[in-house]
Amino acid sequence: MADNQNISQMLVDISGKLLQSVATRQEMQARLDIVVAAWNMTLDSRANRQLKLKRFLKKQKAFAPSKEALKALELEIKTIMKHKDNLYSAIDTVLVRAEAIAQTTESFEIKVYFKDKEEEEKLRQAQLSVNYFNEKMRLMPDS
């Protein structure tokens, strides 16, 4: 798995100009959230990407000032996804979130949070054990 610093740089790389010229930490965070959402969409199949993009845009509809703004957001996300595919297609790390941490009034550090792969694997193994046990119980003759 790539480390936090590398993924942070990758987010900057795929964002195009979206993360540039940001006035506040809140604005940077909102834009970073878009980049993370686009990153995670690229981890799905092409068909699922479209579905996730539609769902994401539907959630954003209430916040968009106009239909044009929503269309621009869709285009921005598609561009970010294309950049991710072109630059980092082999990286399949799911991002939980990324946090913009103000360093100065004009610069930010990006801290990335990942899913805990070990914990996920333990949960998967536990579920397999439960499924196996349930199947054994189902096959046992009634006494």
C-alpha atoms as a PDB file:
ATOM      1  CA  MET A   1       0.000   0.000   0.000  1.00  0.00           C
ATOM      2  CA  ALA A   2       1.222   3.482  -0.781  1.00  0.00           C
ATOM      3  CA  ASP A   3       1.836   5.636   2.262  1.00  0.00           C
ATOM      4  CA  ASN A   4      -0.041   8.760   3.356  1.00  0.00           C
ATOM      5  CA  GLN A   5       2.447  11.199   1.816  1.00  0.00           C
ATOM      6  CA  ASN A   6       2.391   9.453  -1.557  1.00  0.00           C
ATOM      7  CA  ILE A   7      -1.413   9.251  -1.698  1.00  0.00           C
ATOM      8  CA  SER A   8      -1.619  12.910  -0.657  1.00  0.00           C
ATOM      9  CA  GLN A   9       0.602  13.832  -3.599  1.00  0.00           C
ATOM     10  CA  MET A  10      -1.415  11.579  -5.890  1.00  0.00           C
ATOM     11  CA  LEU A  11      -4.588  13.449  -4.901  1.00  0.00           C
ATOM     12  CA  VAL A  12      -2.899  16.718  -5.828  1.00  0.00           C
ATOM     13  CA  ASP A  13      -1.672  15.198  -9.101  1.00  0.00           C
ATOM     14  CA  ILE A  14      -5.102  13.990 -10.222  1.00  0.00           C
ATOM     15  CA  SER A  15      -6.995  17.091  -9.084  1.00  0.00           C
ATOM     16  CA  GLY A  16      -5.867  19.284 -11.949  1.00  0.00           C
ATOM     17  CA  LYS A  17      -6.403  22.894 -10.871  1.00  0.00           C
ATOM     18  CA  LEU A  18      -9.187  22.090  -8.396  1.00  0.00           C
ATOM     19  CA  LEU A  19      -6.927  22.264  -5.329  1.00  0.00           C
ATOM     20  CA  GLN A  20      -5.152  25.436  -6.470  1.00  0.00           C
ATOM     21  CA  SER A  21      -6.093  29.008  -5.538  1.00  0.00           C
ATOM     22  CA  VAL A  22      -8.183  28.066  -2.526  1.00  0.00           C
ATOM     23  CA  ALA A  23      -9.071  30.869  -0.101  1.00  0.00           C
ATOM     24  CA  THR A  24     -10.092  28.980   3.064  1.00  0.00           C
ATOM     25  CA  ARG A  25      -9.570  25.637   4.778  1.00  0.00           C
ATOM     26  CA  GLN A  26     -13.303  24.925   4.398  1.00  0.00           C
ATOM     27  CA  GLU A  27     -13.128  25.489   0.647  1.00  0.00           C
ATOM     28  CA  MET A  28     -10.026  23.304   0.414  1.00  0.00           C
ATOM     29  CA  GLN A  29     -11.783  20.584   2.421  1.00  0.00           C
ATOM     30  CA  ALA A  30     -14.864  20.690   0.183  1.00  0.00           C
ATOM     31  CA  ARG A  31     -12.697  20.370  -2.922  1.00  0.00           C
ATOM     32  CA  LEU A  32     -10.634  17.621  -1.350  1.00  0.00           C
ATOM     33  CA  ASP A  33     -13.831  15.707  -0.572  1.00  0.00           C
ATOM     34  CA  ILE A  34     -14.677  15.822  -4.285  1.00  0.00           C
ATOM     35  CA  VAL A  35     -11.241  14.471  -5.229  1.00  0.00           C
ATOM     36  CA  VAL A  36     -11.541  11.624  -2.692  1.00  0.00           C
ATOM     37  CA  ALA A  37     -15.023  10.739  -3.968  1.00  0.00           C
ATOM     38  CA  ALA A  38     -13.715  10.660  -7.554  1.00  0.00           C
ATOM     39  CA  TRP A  39     -10.698   8.552  -6.483  1.00  0.00           C
ATOM     40  CA  ASN A  40     -12.934   5.966  -4.830  1.00  0.00           C
ATOM     41  CA  MET A  41     -15.274   5.867  -7.835  1.00  0.00           C
ATOM     42  CA  THR A  42     -12.350   4.777 -10.027  1.00  0.00           C
ATOM     43  CA  LEU A  43     -11.946   1.639  -7.922  1.00  0.00           C
ATOM     44  CA  ASP A  44     -15.223   0.235  -9.291  1.00  0.00           C
ATOM     45  CA  SER A  45     -16.093  -1.168 -12.683  1.00  0.00           C
ATOM     46  CA  ARG A  46     -16.992   1.343 -15.396  1.00  0.00           C
ATOM     47  CA  ALA A  47     -20.715   0.551 -14.995  1.00  0.00           C
ATOM     48  CA  ASN A  48     -20.614   0.995 -11.224  1.00  0.00           C
ATOM     49  CA  ARG A  49     -18.673   4.241 -11.586  1.00  0.00           C
ATOM     50  CA  GLN A  50     -21.511   5.784 -13.557  1.00  0.00           C
ATOM     51  CA  LEU A  51     -24.030   4.648 -10.955  1.00  0.00           C
ATOM     52  CA  LYS A  52     -21.939   6.028  -8.078  1.00  0.00           C
ATOM     53  CA  LEU A  53     -21.388   9.279  -9.948  1.00  0.00           C
ATOM     54  CA  LYS A  54     -25.146   9.683 -10.492  1.00  0.00           C
ATOM     55  CA  ARG A  55     -25.810   9.003  -6.806  1.00  0.00           C
ATOM     56  CA  PHE A  56     -23.115  11.464  -5.753  1.00  0.00           C
ATOM     57  CA  LEU A  57     -24.499  14.171  -8.031  1.00  0.00           C
ATOM     58  CA  LYS A  58     -28.032  13.532  -6.789  1.00  0.00           C
ATOM     59  CA  LYS A  59     -26.832  14.162  -3.213  1.00  0.00           C
ATOM     60  CA  GLN A  60     -25.072  17.349  -4.338  1.00  0.00           C
ATOM     61  CA  LYS A  61     -28.114  18.684  -6.194  1.00  0.00           C
ATOM     62  CA  ALA A  62     -29.464  20.410  -3.078  1.00  0.00           C
ATOM     63  CA  PHE A  63     -26.175  22.303  -2.616  1.00  0.00           C
ATOM     64  CA  ALA A  64     -25.585  23.283  -6.233  1.00  0.00           C
ATOM     65  CA  PRO A  65     -26.530  26.882  -7.040  1.00  0.00           C
ATOM     66  CA  SER A  66     -27.641  25.904 -10.570  1.00  0.00           C
ATOM     67  CA  LYS A  67     -27.915  23.078 -13.085  1.00  0.00           C
ATOM     68  CA  GLU A  68     -24.832  24.486 -14.784  1.00  0.00           C
ATOM     69  CA  ALA A  69     -22.853  24.213 -11.547  1.00  0.00           C
ATOM     70  CA  LEU A  70     -23.947  20.601 -11.169  1.00  0.00           C
ATOM     71  CA  LYS A  71     -22.888  19.868 -14.757  1.00  0.00           C
ATOM     72  CA  ALA A  72     -19.519  21.518 -14.085  1.00  0.00           C
ATOM     73  CA  LEU A  73     -19.111  19.337 -10.989  1.00  0.00           C
ATOM     74  CA  GLU A  74     -19.869  16.224 -13.037  1.00  0.00           C
ATOM     75  CA  LEU A  75     -17.290  17.233 -15.635  1.00  0.00           C
ATOM     76  CA  GLU A  76     -14.716  17.952 -12.916  1.00  0.00           C
ATOM     77  CA  ILE A  77     -15.245  14.521 -11.325  1.00  0.00           C
ATOM     78  CA  LYS A  78     -14.990  12.762 -14.683  1.00  0.00           C
ATOM     79  CA  THR A  79     -11.745  14.627 -15.389  1.00  0.00           C
ATOM     80  CA  ILE A  80     -10.315  13.646 -11.999  1.00  0.00           C
ATOM     81  CA  MET A  81     -11.290  10.013 -12.584  1.00  0.00           C
ATOM     82  CA  LYS A  82      -9.599  10.086 -15.989  1.00  0.00           C
ATOM     83  CA  HIS A  83      -6.428  11.502 -14.419  1.00  0.00           C
ATOM     84  CA  LYS A  84      -6.493   8.801 -11.727  1.00  0.00           C
ATOM     85  CA  ASP A  85      -6.883   6.096 -14.383  1.00  0.00           C
ATOM     86  CA  ASN A  86      -4.064   7.536 -16.485  1.00  0.00           C
ATOM     87  CA  LEU A  87      -1.617   8.219 -13.668  1.00  0.00           C
ATOM     88  CA  TYR A  88      -2.350   5.686 -10.928  1.00  0.00           C
ATOM     89  CA  SER A  89      -4.518   2.890 -12.298  1.00  0.00           C
ATOM     90  CA  ALA A  90      -2.588   0.252 -10.329  1.00  0.00           C
ATOM     91  CA  ILE A  91      -3.307   1.923  -6.974  1.00  0.00           C
ATOM     92  CA  ASP A  92      -6.502   0.405  -5.567  1.00  0.00           C
ATOM     93  CA  THR A  93      -6.442   1.815  -2.049  1.00  0.00           C
ATOM     94  CA  VAL A  94      -9.864   2.855  -0.735  1.00  0.00           C
ATOM     95  CA  LEU A  95      -9.717   6.270   0.900  1.00  0.00           C
ATOM     96  CA  VAL A  96     -11.937   6.878   3.904  1.00  0.00           C
ATOM     97  CA  ARG A  97     -11.293  10.611   3.785  1.00  0.00           C
ATOM     98  CA  ALA A  98      -8.611  13.235   3.365  1.00  0.00           C
ATOM     99  CA  GLU A  99      -8.201  16.181   5.678  1.00  0.00           C
ATOM    100  CA  ALA A 100      -6.928  19.622   4.726  1.00  0.00           C
ATOM    101  CA  ILE A 101      -4.684  20.937   7.495  1.00  0.00           C
ATOM    102  CA  ALA A 102      -3.761  24.611   7.218  1.00  0.00           C
ATOM    103  CA  GLN A 103      -0.003  25.213   7.325  1.00  0.00           C
ATOM    104  CA  THR A 104      -0.199  28.913   6.497  1.00  0.00           C
ATOM    105  CA  THR A 105      -3.037  31.070   5.213  1.00  0.00           C
ATOM    106  CA  GLU A 106      -2.171  29.932   1.686  1.00  0.00           C
ATOM    107  CA  SER A 107      -0.865  26.374   2.055  1.00  0.00           C
ATOM    108  CA  PHE A 108      -2.308  23.124   3.292  1.00  0.00           C
ATOM    109  CA  GLU A 109      -1.089  19.683   4.247  1.00  0.00           C
ATOM    110  CA  ILE A 110      -3.250  16.786   3.142  1.00  0.00           C
ATOM    111  CA  LYS A 111      -3.656  13.894   5.556  1.00  0.00           C
ATOM    112  CA  VAL A 112      -5.241  10.791   4.082  1.00  0.00           C
ATOM    113  CA  TYR A 113      -7.157   8.149   6.044  1.00  0.00           C
ATOM    114  CA  PHE A 114      -7.409   4.589   4.744  1.00  0.00           C
ATOM    115  CA  LYS A 115      -9.613   1.601   5.442  1.00  0.00           C
ATOM    116  CA  ASP A 116      -7.945  -0.747   7.887  1.00  0.00           C
ATOM    117  CA  LYS A 117      -7.132  -3.733   5.655  1.00  0.00           C
ATOM    118  CA  GLU A 118      -6.233  -6.012   8.582  1.00  0.00           C
ATOM    119  CA  GLU A 119      -9.484  -5.292  10.378  1.00  0.00           C
ATOM    120  CA  GLU A 120     -11.433  -5.791   7.154  1.00  0.00           C
ATOM    121  CA  GLU A 121      -9.770  -9.185   6.629  1.00  0.00           C
ATOM    122  CA  LYS A 122     -10.528 -10.252  10.213  1.00  0.00           C
ATOM    123  CA  LEU A 123     -14.193  -9.346   9.712  1.00  0.00           C
ATOM    124  CA  ARG A 124     -14.267 -11.260   6.421  1.00  0.00           C
ATOM    125  CA  GLN A 125     -12.708 -14.333   8.060  1.00  0.00           C
ATOM    126  CA  ALA A 126     -15.161 -14.135  10.956  1.00  0.00           C
ATOM    127  CA  GLN A 127     -18.070 -13.952   8.505  1.00  0.00           C
ATOM    128  CA  LEU A 128     -16.733 -16.984   6.625  1.00  0.00           C
ATOM    129  CA  SER A 129     -16.502 -18.893   9.918  1.00  0.00           C
ATOM    130  CA  VAL A 130     -20.075 -17.967  10.830  1.00  0.00           C
ATOM    131  CA  ASN A 131     -21.299 -18.993   7.372  1.00  0.00           C
ATOM    132  CA  TYR A 132     -19.429 -22.305   7.634  1.00  0.00           C
ATOM    133  CA  PHE A 133     -20.867 -22.972  11.103  1.00  0.00           C
ATOM    134  CA  ASN A 134     -24.398 -22.121   9.945  1.00  0.00           C
ATOM    135  CA  GLU A 135     -24.067 -24.447   6.958  1.00  0.00           C
ATOM    136  CA  LYS A 136     -22.815 -27.293   9.222  1.00  0.00           C
ATOM    137  CA  MET A 137     -25.747 -26.727  11.580  1.00  0.00           C
ATOM    138  CA  ARG A 138     -28.194 -26.736   8.697  1.00  0.00           C
ATOM    139  CA  LEU A 139     -26.863 -30.078   7.448  1.00  0.00           C
ATOM    140  CA  MET A 140     -26.966 -31.776  10.849  1.00  0.00           C
ATOM    141  CA  PRO A 141     -29.846 -34.235  11.275  1.00  0.00           C
ATOM    142  CA  ASP A 142     -32.476 -33.249  13.813  1.00  0.00           C
ATOM    143  CA  SER A 143     -32.250 -35.187  17.053  1.00  0.00           C
END
